[in-house]
Amino acid sequence: MMACYVPFNSRNLDISFFAFRPTVVDVEDLIQAFKQISCYTESLGCVHSSIFKSIHGNLIIWYGAWMKRSDENKQLLIATLLSLFTRVTSMAMLSDYGFFSAYAGESKDGSPAAKFFTGDTICFSSARVCGDYCNQYNNDHNTISYAGLAIFKDRFLKMSGAKSGVCFRCQTETKTETEIETGPPILSLVVWQSLQSCYTFLLTSPDCRRPALDDLALDIKYDVFRVVYVSGEPVDMVELPLYTKKSVNQVQLIKNEDEGDC
C-alpha cells in the first residue's frame, strides 16, 4: 500500500492545498480527473500528492508537496496548476487555494512527518483573523501562528486516536470564497486511527479556543475527510488530454531553472 507524507517543517518542501466544491452529484469522474492531474504534477516537481474527500460536506481538497523553488518559479507553478485545474471546471468550483509552510508537527510514533494511506481519516481545520483585527494581524501573522501552535502542542498528546498532526502558515495570497475581510489563514491537519476516534474527540473535546485567541475575531472552519488517493497508486490515463504546447514549455522552464539552482 502506498503512503503519502506531510513534512513537519518547510526546510525541503513547500505545501499546496487546492479546495474545490463539486457541482455534480456523482464525483467519481471528478476524482479521476484529480488523480490524472496528480500524475502530471510529478513533471512539475511534485513529490507527494493526495486527494481528500469530505465525508459529510461538499468539499474535495487536492494536496501537493513540492521541491522548494524561487518565488518567481512558484508563481509560474501556481499559474500552471490553475491552468491544469480548468479541466474540472464543469464538475467543480475552485473555492480556495494557496502555498503554505509547515512550521510544527507531532506524531505518536516519533515519525518526522505525518503519514497516511488511502482510506485514512483526516481532520482539516483553518482559522483566519477577521473583522476589526484583520489589518492588525495581517501584518503580524506570527501572532496567530504561534497561538495556534500553543493550542496544538497542548492538545495533541491528549487526542486519543490521533496518529499525527501538522500546523501550516500561509506563504502566498489565497483565493477565498468568503465575503468578509480576513487575514492570511493558518491550517492544521490531523491524521486519525479511525473515523470513530475522530468523531469521539470532536464530540467530547472542549472548545479549542484558548485565552491566547480569545481577544481575536476568528473565522474558524473544520471538516472531516477520507483520503481517496495518494500518489503512486495506479491511475487510468486513457481520458487524460495532452498538454498544450504552452503547458509543456512551462513545465520544462520550471524543471530547468530548478535544476540549475541545485
C-alpha atoms as a PDB file:
ATOM      1  CA  MET A   1       0.000   0.000   0.000  1.00  0.00           C
ATOM      2  CA  MET A   2       1.344   3.419  -0.994  1.00  0.00           C
ATOM      3  CA  ALA A   3       1.880   6.048   1.710  1.00  0.00           C
ATOM      4  CA  CYS A   4       1.727   9.834   1.451  1.00  0.00           C
ATOM      5  CA  TYR A   5       3.678  12.220   3.687  1.00  0.00           C
ATOM      6  CA  VAL A   6       3.324  15.758   5.013  1.00  0.00           C
ATOM      7  CA  PRO A   7       6.544  17.217   6.481  1.00  0.00           C
ATOM      8  CA  PHE A   8       6.686  18.823   9.931  1.00  0.00           C
ATOM      9  CA  ASN A   9       8.855  21.699   8.669  1.00  0.00           C
ATOM     10  CA  SER A  10       9.473  23.653   5.470  1.00  0.00           C
ATOM     11  CA  ARG A  11      13.216  23.081   5.044  1.00  0.00           C
ATOM     12  CA  ASN A  12      12.928  20.992   1.884  1.00  0.00           C
ATOM     13  CA  LEU A  13       9.322  21.085   0.706  1.00  0.00           C
ATOM     14  CA  ASP A  14       6.572  23.614   0.054  1.00  0.00           C
ATOM     15  CA  ILE A  15       2.952  22.610   0.592  1.00  0.00           C
ATOM     16  CA  SER A  16      -0.063  23.494  -1.547  1.00  0.00           C
ATOM     17  CA  PHE A  17      -3.754  22.942  -0.980  1.00  0.00           C
ATOM     18  CA  PHE A  18      -6.492  23.484  -3.575  1.00  0.00           C
ATOM     19  CA  ALA A  19     -10.058  23.238  -2.284  1.00  0.00           C
ATOM     20  CA  PHE A  20     -12.966  22.535  -4.642  1.00  0.00           C
ATOM     21  CA  ARG A  21     -16.735  22.406  -4.224  1.00  0.00           C
ATOM     22  CA  PRO A  22     -18.238  19.809  -6.590  1.00  0.00           C
ATOM     23  CA  THR A  23     -21.133  20.992  -8.750  1.00  0.00           C
ATOM     24  CA  VAL A  24     -22.113  17.444  -9.761  1.00  0.00           C
ATOM     25  CA  VAL A  25     -23.794  14.733  -7.694  1.00  0.00           C
ATOM     26  CA  ASP A  26     -21.556  11.866  -8.794  1.00  0.00           C
ATOM     27  CA  VAL A  27     -17.949  12.886  -8.104  1.00  0.00           C
ATOM     28  CA  GLU A  28     -16.203   9.755  -9.405  1.00  0.00           C
ATOM     29  CA  ASP A  29     -15.225  11.401 -12.707  1.00  0.00           C
ATOM     30  CA  LEU A  30     -14.031  14.463 -10.804  1.00  0.00           C
ATOM     31  CA  ILE A  31     -11.823  12.383  -8.506  1.00  0.00           C
ATOM     32  CA  GLN A  32     -10.474  10.517 -11.532  1.00  0.00           C
ATOM     33  CA  ALA A  33      -9.542  13.849 -13.121  1.00  0.00           C
ATOM     34  CA  PHE A  34      -7.705  14.894  -9.943  1.00  0.00           C
ATOM     35  CA  LYS A  35      -5.819  11.591  -9.978  1.00  0.00           C
ATOM     36  CA  GLN A  36      -4.708  12.225 -13.546  1.00  0.00           C
ATOM     37  CA  ILE A  37      -3.623  15.770 -12.670  1.00  0.00           C
ATOM     38  CA  SER A  38      -1.594  14.319  -9.783  1.00  0.00           C
ATOM     39  CA  CYS A  39       0.288  12.166 -12.273  1.00  0.00           C
ATOM     40  CA  TYR A  40       1.049  15.210 -14.413  1.00  0.00           C
ATOM     41  CA  THR A  41       2.329  17.237 -11.448  1.00  0.00           C
ATOM     42  CA  GLU A  42       5.212  14.822 -10.977  1.00  0.00           C
ATOM     43  CA  SER A  43       6.715  16.523 -14.059  1.00  0.00           C
ATOM     44  CA  LEU A  44       6.461  19.840 -12.224  1.00  0.00           C
ATOM     45  CA  GLY A  45       8.420  18.660  -9.195  1.00  0.00           C
ATOM     46  CA  CYS A  46       5.573  17.375  -7.030  1.00  0.00           C
ATOM     47  CA  VAL A  47       6.989  14.847  -4.561  1.00  0.00           C
ATOM     48  CA  HIS A  48       3.762  13.792  -2.838  1.00  0.00           C
ATOM     49  CA  SER A  49       0.130  14.412  -3.721  1.00  0.00           C
ATOM     50  CA  SER A  50      -3.190  13.228  -2.372  1.00  0.00           C
ATOM     51  CA  ILE A  51      -6.929  13.792  -2.622  1.00  0.00           C
ATOM     52  CA  PHE A  52      -9.166  14.311   0.422  1.00  0.00           C
ATOM     53  CA  LYS A  53     -12.951  13.971   0.101  1.00  0.00           C
ATOM     54  CA  SER A  54     -15.224  15.441   2.754  1.00  0.00           C
ATOM     55  CA  ILE A  55     -17.219  12.682   4.439  1.00  0.00           C
ATOM     56  CA  HIS A  56     -20.341  14.732   5.151  1.00  0.00           C
ATOM     57  CA  GLY A  57     -19.678  18.072   3.464  1.00  0.00           C
ATOM     58  CA  ASN A  58     -19.313  19.179  -0.131  1.00  0.00           C
ATOM     59  CA  LEU A  59     -15.572  19.692  -0.433  1.00  0.00           C
ATOM     60  CA  ILE A  60     -12.595  17.999  -2.102  1.00  0.00           C
ATOM     61  CA  ILE A  61      -9.007  19.046  -1.311  1.00  0.00           C
ATOM     62  CA  TRP A  62      -6.026  18.366  -3.548  1.00  0.00           C
ATOM     63  CA  TYR A  63      -2.735  18.281  -1.641  1.00  0.00           C
ATOM     64  CA  GLY A  64       0.711  18.644  -3.186  1.00  0.00           C
ATOM     65  CA  ALA A  65       4.205  18.710  -1.637  1.00  0.00           C
ATOM     66  CA  TRP A  66       6.849  20.340  -3.856  1.00  0.00           C
ATOM     67  CA  MET A  67      10.596  20.695  -4.052  1.00  0.00           C
ATOM     68  CA  LYS A  68      11.402  24.215  -2.874  1.00  0.00           C
ATOM     69  CA  ARG A  69      11.854  26.844  -5.573  1.00  0.00           C
ATOM     70  CA  SER A  70      12.232  30.582  -6.038  1.00  0.00           C
ATOM     71  CA  ASP A  71       9.254  32.884  -5.588  1.00  0.00           C
ATOM     72  CA  GLU A  72       9.257  33.596  -9.325  1.00  0.00           C
ATOM     73  CA  ASN A  73       9.105  29.899 -10.183  1.00  0.00           C
ATOM     74  CA  LYS A  74       6.439  29.381  -7.549  1.00  0.00           C
ATOM     75  CA  GLN A  75       4.214  31.967  -9.227  1.00  0.00           C
ATOM     76  CA  LEU A  76       4.798  30.223 -12.554  1.00  0.00           C
ATOM     77  CA  LEU A  77       3.896  26.918 -10.915  1.00  0.00           C
ATOM     78  CA  ILE A  78       0.666  28.361  -9.491  1.00  0.00           C
ATOM     79  CA  ALA A  79      -0.311  29.642 -12.945  1.00  0.00           C
ATOM     80  CA  THR A  80       0.385  26.221 -14.455  1.00  0.00           C
ATOM     81  CA  LEU A  81      -1.633  24.442 -11.768  1.00  0.00           C
ATOM     82  CA  LEU A  82      -4.579  26.790 -12.226  1.00  0.00           C
ATOM     83  CA  SER A  83      -4.426  26.022 -15.926  1.00  0.00           C
ATOM     84  CA  LEU A  84      -4.445  22.285 -15.231  1.00  0.00           C
ATOM     85  CA  PHE A  85      -7.391  22.576 -12.875  1.00  0.00           C
ATOM     86  CA  THR A  86      -9.506  24.341 -15.505  1.00  0.00           C
ATOM     87  CA  ARG A  87     -10.252  20.874 -16.922  1.00  0.00           C
ATOM     88  CA  VAL A  88     -12.507  20.202 -13.914  1.00  0.00           C
ATOM     89  CA  THR A  89     -14.490  23.472 -14.072  1.00  0.00           C
ATOM     90  CA  SER A  90     -17.511  21.640 -15.482  1.00  0.00           C
ATOM     91  CA  MET A  91     -17.599  19.456 -12.352  1.00  0.00           C
ATOM     92  CA  ALA A  92     -16.294  21.646  -9.515  1.00  0.00           C
ATOM     93  CA  MET A  93     -15.671  25.226  -8.423  1.00  0.00           C
ATOM     94  CA  LEU A  94     -12.307  26.249  -7.008  1.00  0.00           C
ATOM     95  CA  SER A  95     -13.067  27.865  -3.657  1.00  0.00           C
ATOM     96  CA  ASP A  96      -9.667  28.333  -2.006  1.00  0.00           C
ATOM     97  CA  TYR A  97      -6.004  27.689  -2.713  1.00  0.00           C
ATOM     98  CA  GLY A  98      -2.521  28.640  -1.641  1.00  0.00           C
ATOM     99  CA  PHE A  99       1.019  27.618  -0.795  1.00  0.00           C
ATOM    100  CA  PHE A 100       1.883  27.002   2.842  1.00  0.00           C
ATOM    101  CA  SER A 101       4.869  26.344   5.095  1.00  0.00           C
ATOM    102  CA  ALA A 102       4.715  23.581   7.677  1.00  0.00           C
ATOM    103  CA  TYR A 103       6.043  25.077  10.910  1.00  0.00           C
ATOM    104  CA  ALA A 104       5.221  22.419  13.525  1.00  0.00           C
ATOM    105  CA  GLY A 105       4.185  18.809  13.761  1.00  0.00           C
ATOM    106  CA  GLU A 106       3.877  15.861  16.114  1.00  0.00           C
ATOM    107  CA  SER A 107       3.436  12.117  15.748  1.00  0.00           C
ATOM    108  CA  LYS A 108       2.614   9.473  18.328  1.00  0.00           C
ATOM    109  CA  ASP A 109       5.230   7.068  16.902  1.00  0.00           C
ATOM    110  CA  GLY A 110       8.080   9.581  16.648  1.00  0.00           C
ATOM    111  CA  SER A 111       7.982   9.859  12.853  1.00  0.00           C
ATOM    112  CA  PRO A 112       9.369  13.110  11.337  1.00  0.00           C
ATOM    113  CA  ALA A 113       6.328  13.525   9.069  1.00  0.00           C
ATOM    114  CA  ALA A 114       2.610  12.814   9.023  1.00  0.00           C
ATOM    115  CA  LYS A 115       1.948   9.605   7.102  1.00  0.00           C
ATOM    116  CA  PHE A 116      -1.379   8.418   5.727  1.00  0.00           C
ATOM    117  CA  PHE A 117      -2.857   5.968   3.245  1.00  0.00           C
ATOM    118  CA  THR A 118      -5.917   5.753   1.030  1.00  0.00           C
ATOM    119  CA  GLY A 119      -8.909   5.128   3.290  1.00  0.00           C
ATOM    120  CA  ASP A 120      -7.496   7.020   6.293  1.00  0.00           C
ATOM    121  CA  THR A 121      -9.428   9.704   8.161  1.00  0.00           C
ATOM    122  CA  ILE A 122      -8.099  13.271   8.279  1.00  0.00           C
ATOM    123  CA  CYS A 123      -9.477  16.294  10.130  1.00  0.00           C
ATOM    124  CA  PHE A 124      -8.643  19.594   8.475  1.00  0.00           C
ATOM    125  CA  SER A 125      -9.174  22.982  10.132  1.00  0.00           C
ATOM    126  CA  SER A 126      -8.445  26.608   9.256  1.00  0.00           C
ATOM    127  CA  ALA A 127      -8.526  29.887  11.147  1.00  0.00           C
ATOM    128  CA  ARG A 128      -8.460  33.421   9.798  1.00  0.00           C
ATOM    129  CA  VAL A 129      -8.460  36.697  11.700  1.00  0.00           C
ATOM    130  CA  CYS A 130     -11.392  38.810  10.553  1.00  0.00           C
ATOM    131  CA  GLY A 131     -13.299  41.981  11.316  1.00  0.00           C
ATOM    132  CA  ASP A 132     -11.551  44.903  13.062  1.00  0.00           C
ATOM    133  CA  TYR A 133      -8.485  42.771  13.823  1.00  0.00           C
ATOM    134  CA  CYS A 134      -7.789  41.815  10.216  1.00  0.00           C
ATOM    135  CA  ASN A 135      -5.426  44.650   9.279  1.00  0.00           C
ATOM    136  CA  GLN A 136      -3.600  44.481  12.602  1.00  0.00           C
ATOM    137  CA  TYR A 137      -2.855  40.768  12.433  1.00  0.00           C
ATOM    138  CA  ASN A 138      -2.364  40.648   8.676  1.00  0.00           C
ATOM    139  CA  ASN A 139       0.914  42.454   9.360  1.00  0.00           C
ATOM    140  CA  ASP A 140       1.818  40.201  12.305  1.00  0.00           C
ATOM    141  CA  HIS A 141       0.968  36.714  11.103  1.00  0.00           C
ATOM    142  CA  ASN A 142       3.227  35.195  13.763  1.00  0.00           C
ATOM    143  CA  THR A 143       0.750  36.207  16.467  1.00  0.00           C
ATOM    144  CA  ILE A 144      -1.976  33.841  15.352  1.00  0.00           C
ATOM    145  CA  SER A 145       0.517  31.235  14.097  1.00  0.00           C
ATOM    146  CA  TYR A 146       2.164  30.789  17.478  1.00  0.00           C
ATOM    147  CA  ALA A 147      -1.130  30.986  19.346  1.00  0.00           C
ATOM    148  CA  GLY A 148      -2.345  28.135  17.153  1.00  0.00           C
ATOM    149  CA  LEU A 149       0.892  26.249  17.820  1.00  0.00           C
ATOM    150  CA  ALA A 150       0.423  26.599  21.587  1.00  0.00           C
ATOM    151  CA  ILE A 151      -3.053  25.106  21.304  1.00  0.00           C
ATOM    152  CA  PHE A 152      -1.798  22.260  19.110  1.00  0.00           C
ATOM    153  CA  LYS A 153       1.081  21.398  21.466  1.00  0.00           C
ATOM    154  CA  ASP A 154      -1.238  21.473  24.461  1.00  0.00           C
ATOM    155  CA  ARG A 155      -3.841  19.217  22.932  1.00  0.00           C
ATOM    156  CA  PHE A 156      -2.131  16.745  20.611  1.00  0.00           C
ATOM    157  CA  LEU A 157      -0.874  14.236  23.172  1.00  0.00           C
ATOM    158  CA  LYS A 158      -4.341  14.259  24.748  1.00  0.00           C
ATOM    159  CA  MET A 159      -6.009  13.323  21.442  1.00  0.00           C
ATOM    160  CA  SER A 160      -6.749   9.646  21.876  1.00  0.00           C
ATOM    161  CA  GLY A 161      -6.685   8.030  18.447  1.00  0.00           C
ATOM    162  CA  ALA A 162      -4.714  10.784  16.703  1.00  0.00           C
ATOM    163  CA  LYS A 163      -1.644   9.465  14.876  1.00  0.00           C
ATOM    164  CA  SER A 164      -0.004  12.703  13.707  1.00  0.00           C
ATOM    165  CA  GLY A 165      -0.676  16.373  13.115  1.00  0.00           C
ATOM    166  CA  VAL A 166       0.841  19.337  11.266  1.00  0.00           C
ATOM    167  CA  CYS A 167       0.442  23.132  11.506  1.00  0.00           C
ATOM    168  CA  PHE A 168       0.812  25.388   8.453  1.00  0.00           C
ATOM    169  CA  ARG A 169       1.115  29.114   7.838  1.00  0.00           C
ATOM    170  CA  CYS A 170       0.279  30.804   4.561  1.00  0.00           C
ATOM    171  CA  GLN A 171       3.085  31.673   2.103  1.00  0.00           C
ATOM    172  CA  THR A 172       1.068  33.159  -0.749  1.00  0.00           C
ATOM    173  CA  GLU A 173      -2.099  35.134  -1.190  1.00  0.00           C
ATOM    174  CA  THR A 174      -5.043  32.761  -1.280  1.00  0.00           C
ATOM    175  CA  LYS A 175      -8.340  32.890  -3.073  1.00  0.00           C
ATOM    176  CA  THR A 176     -11.284  32.566  -0.716  1.00  0.00           C
ATOM    177  CA  GLU A 177     -15.000  32.457  -1.320  1.00  0.00           C
ATOM    178  CA  THR A 178     -15.796  34.295   1.908  1.00  0.00           C
ATOM    179  CA  GLU A 179     -17.060  37.853   1.518  1.00  0.00           C
ATOM    180  CA  ILE A 180     -15.741  39.129   4.859  1.00  0.00           C
ATOM    181  CA  GLU A 181     -12.323  40.723   5.144  1.00  0.00           C
ATOM    182  CA  THR A 182      -9.895  38.181   6.558  1.00  0.00           C
ATOM    183  CA  GLY A 183      -6.206  37.821   7.219  1.00  0.00           C
ATOM    184  CA  PRO A 184      -3.987  35.009   5.932  1.00  0.00           C
ATOM    185  CA  PRO A 185      -5.060  31.593   7.232  1.00  0.00           C
ATOM    186  CA  ILE A 186      -3.335  29.118   9.457  1.00  0.00           C
ATOM    187  CA  LEU A 187      -4.173  25.464   8.904  1.00  0.00           C
ATOM    188  CA  SER A 188      -3.911  22.236  10.840  1.00  0.00           C
ATOM    189  CA  LEU A 189      -4.168  18.653   9.648  1.00  0.00           C
ATOM    190  CA  VAL A 190      -4.609  15.666  11.972  1.00  0.00           C
ATOM    191  CA  VAL A 191      -4.419  12.028  10.849  1.00  0.00           C
ATOM    192  CA  TRP A 192      -6.649   9.704  12.887  1.00  0.00           C
ATOM    193  CA  GLN A 193      -6.572   5.975  13.550  1.00  0.00           C
ATOM    194  CA  SER A 194     -10.261   5.724  12.666  1.00  0.00           C
ATOM    195  CA  LEU A 195     -13.324   7.787  11.866  1.00  0.00           C
ATOM    196  CA  GLN A 196     -14.816   6.812  15.230  1.00  0.00           C
ATOM    197  CA  SER A 197     -11.834   8.133  17.198  1.00  0.00           C
ATOM    198  CA  CYS A 198     -12.025  11.418  15.281  1.00  0.00           C
ATOM    199  CA  TYR A 199     -15.739  11.838  15.981  1.00  0.00           C
ATOM    200  CA  THR A 200     -15.285  10.903  19.636  1.00  0.00           C
ATOM    201  CA  PHE A 201     -12.717  13.657  20.049  1.00  0.00           C
ATOM    202  CA  LEU A 202     -14.782  16.274  18.219  1.00  0.00           C
ATOM    203  CA  LEU A 203     -17.911  15.470  20.239  1.00  0.00           C
ATOM    204  CA  THR A 204     -16.272  15.326  23.664  1.00  0.00           C
ATOM    205  CA  SER A 205     -13.461  17.883  23.487  1.00  0.00           C
ATOM    206  CA  PRO A 206     -13.849  21.430  24.819  1.00  0.00           C
ATOM    207  CA  ASP A 207     -13.742  24.438  22.542  1.00  0.00           C
ATOM    208  CA  CYS A 208     -10.198  24.681  21.133  1.00  0.00           C
ATOM    209  CA  ARG A 209     -10.090  28.476  21.519  1.00  0.00           C
ATOM    210  CA  ARG A 210      -7.746  29.174  24.427  1.00  0.00           C
ATOM    211  CA  PRO A 211      -7.163  32.567  26.118  1.00  0.00           C
ATOM    212  CA  ALA A 212      -4.376  33.225  23.591  1.00  0.00           C
ATOM    213  CA  LEU A 213      -7.078  33.626  20.935  1.00  0.00           C
ATOM    214  CA  ASP A 214      -9.977  34.914  22.993  1.00  0.00           C
ATOM    215  CA  ASP A 215      -9.313  38.533  22.036  1.00  0.00           C
ATOM    216  CA  LEU A 216      -9.461  37.805  18.305  1.00  0.00           C
ATOM    217  CA  ALA A 217     -12.412  37.678  15.937  1.00  0.00           C
ATOM    218  CA  LEU A 218     -11.777  34.410  14.107  1.00  0.00           C
ATOM    219  CA  ASP A 219     -13.354  32.678  11.158  1.00  0.00           C
ATOM    220  CA  ILE A 220     -12.795  29.017  12.107  1.00  0.00           C
ATOM    221  CA  LYS A 221     -13.725  26.101   9.871  1.00  0.00           C
ATOM    222  CA  TYR A 222     -13.118  22.380  10.094  1.00  0.00           C
ATOM    223  CA  ASP A 223     -14.169  19.255   8.256  1.00  0.00           C
ATOM    224  CA  VAL A 224     -13.504  15.523   8.331  1.00  0.00           C
ATOM    225  CA  PHE A 225     -12.141  13.891   5.175  1.00  0.00           C
ATOM    226  CA  ARG A 226     -11.478  10.462   3.762  1.00  0.00           C
ATOM    227  CA  VAL A 227      -8.239  10.010   1.835  1.00  0.00           C
ATOM    228  CA  VAL A 228      -9.342   8.725  -1.580  1.00  0.00           C
ATOM    229  CA  TYR A 229      -5.983   8.746  -3.385  1.00  0.00           C
ATOM    230  CA  VAL A 230      -2.245   9.025  -2.715  1.00  0.00           C
ATOM    231  CA  SER A 231       0.400   9.480  -5.400  1.00  0.00           C
ATOM    232  CA  GLY A 232       1.977   6.313  -6.686  1.00  0.00           C
ATOM    233  CA  GLU A 233      -1.270   4.382  -6.924  1.00  0.00           C
ATOM    234  CA  PRO A 234      -2.344   3.131 -10.370  1.00  0.00           C
ATOM    235  CA  VAL A 235      -4.313   5.679 -12.401  1.00  0.00           C
ATOM    236  CA  ASP A 236      -6.265   5.160 -15.633  1.00  0.00           C
ATOM    237  CA  MET A 237      -4.794   7.768 -18.002  1.00  0.00           C
ATOM    238  CA  VAL A 238      -6.931   6.933 -21.064  1.00  0.00           C
ATOM    239  CA  GLU A 239      -9.155  10.011 -20.850  1.00  0.00           C
ATOM    240  CA  LEU A 240      -6.373  12.426 -19.952  1.00  0.00           C
ATOM    241  CA  PRO A 241      -5.962  15.167 -22.595  1.00  0.00           C
ATOM    242  CA  LEU A 242      -2.462  16.042 -23.776  1.00  0.00           C
ATOM    243  CA  TYR A 243      -0.654  19.135 -22.571  1.00  0.00           C
ATOM    244  CA  THR A 244      -0.881  22.206 -24.716  1.00  0.00           C
ATOM    245  CA  LYS A 245       2.414  23.479 -26.112  1.00  0.00           C
ATOM    246  CA  LYS A 246       2.300  26.342 -23.595  1.00  0.00           C
ATOM    247  CA  SER A 247       1.930  23.925 -20.683  1.00  0.00           C
ATOM    248  CA  VAL A 248       4.848  21.803 -21.893  1.00  0.00           C
ATOM    249  CA  ASN A 249       7.062  24.888 -22.124  1.00  0.00           C
ATOM    250  CA  GLN A 250       6.060  25.960 -18.619  1.00  0.00           C
ATOM    251  CA  VAL A 251       6.874  22.534 -17.231  1.00  0.00           C
ATOM    252  CA  GLN A 252      10.263  22.480 -18.950  1.00  0.00           C
ATOM    253  CA  LEU A 253      11.073  26.002 -17.742  1.00  0.00           C
ATOM    254  CA  ILE A 254      10.290  25.120 -14.139  1.00  0.00           C
ATOM    255  CA  LYS A 255      12.348  21.919 -14.304  1.00  0.00           C
ATOM    256  CA  ASN A 256      15.343  23.540 -15.971  1.00  0.00           C
ATOM    257  CA  GLU A 257      15.504  26.565 -13.664  1.00  0.00           C
ATOM    258  CA  ASP A 258      15.091  24.481 -10.520  1.00  0.00           C
ATOM    259  CA  GLU A 259      17.765  22.034 -11.643  1.00  0.00           C
ATOM    260  CA  GLY A 260      20.029  24.977 -12.246  1.00  0.00           C
ATOM    261  CA  ASP A 261      19.537  26.101  -8.640  1.00  0.00           C
ATOM    262  CA  CYS A 262      20.710  22.750  -7.238  1.00  0.00           C
END
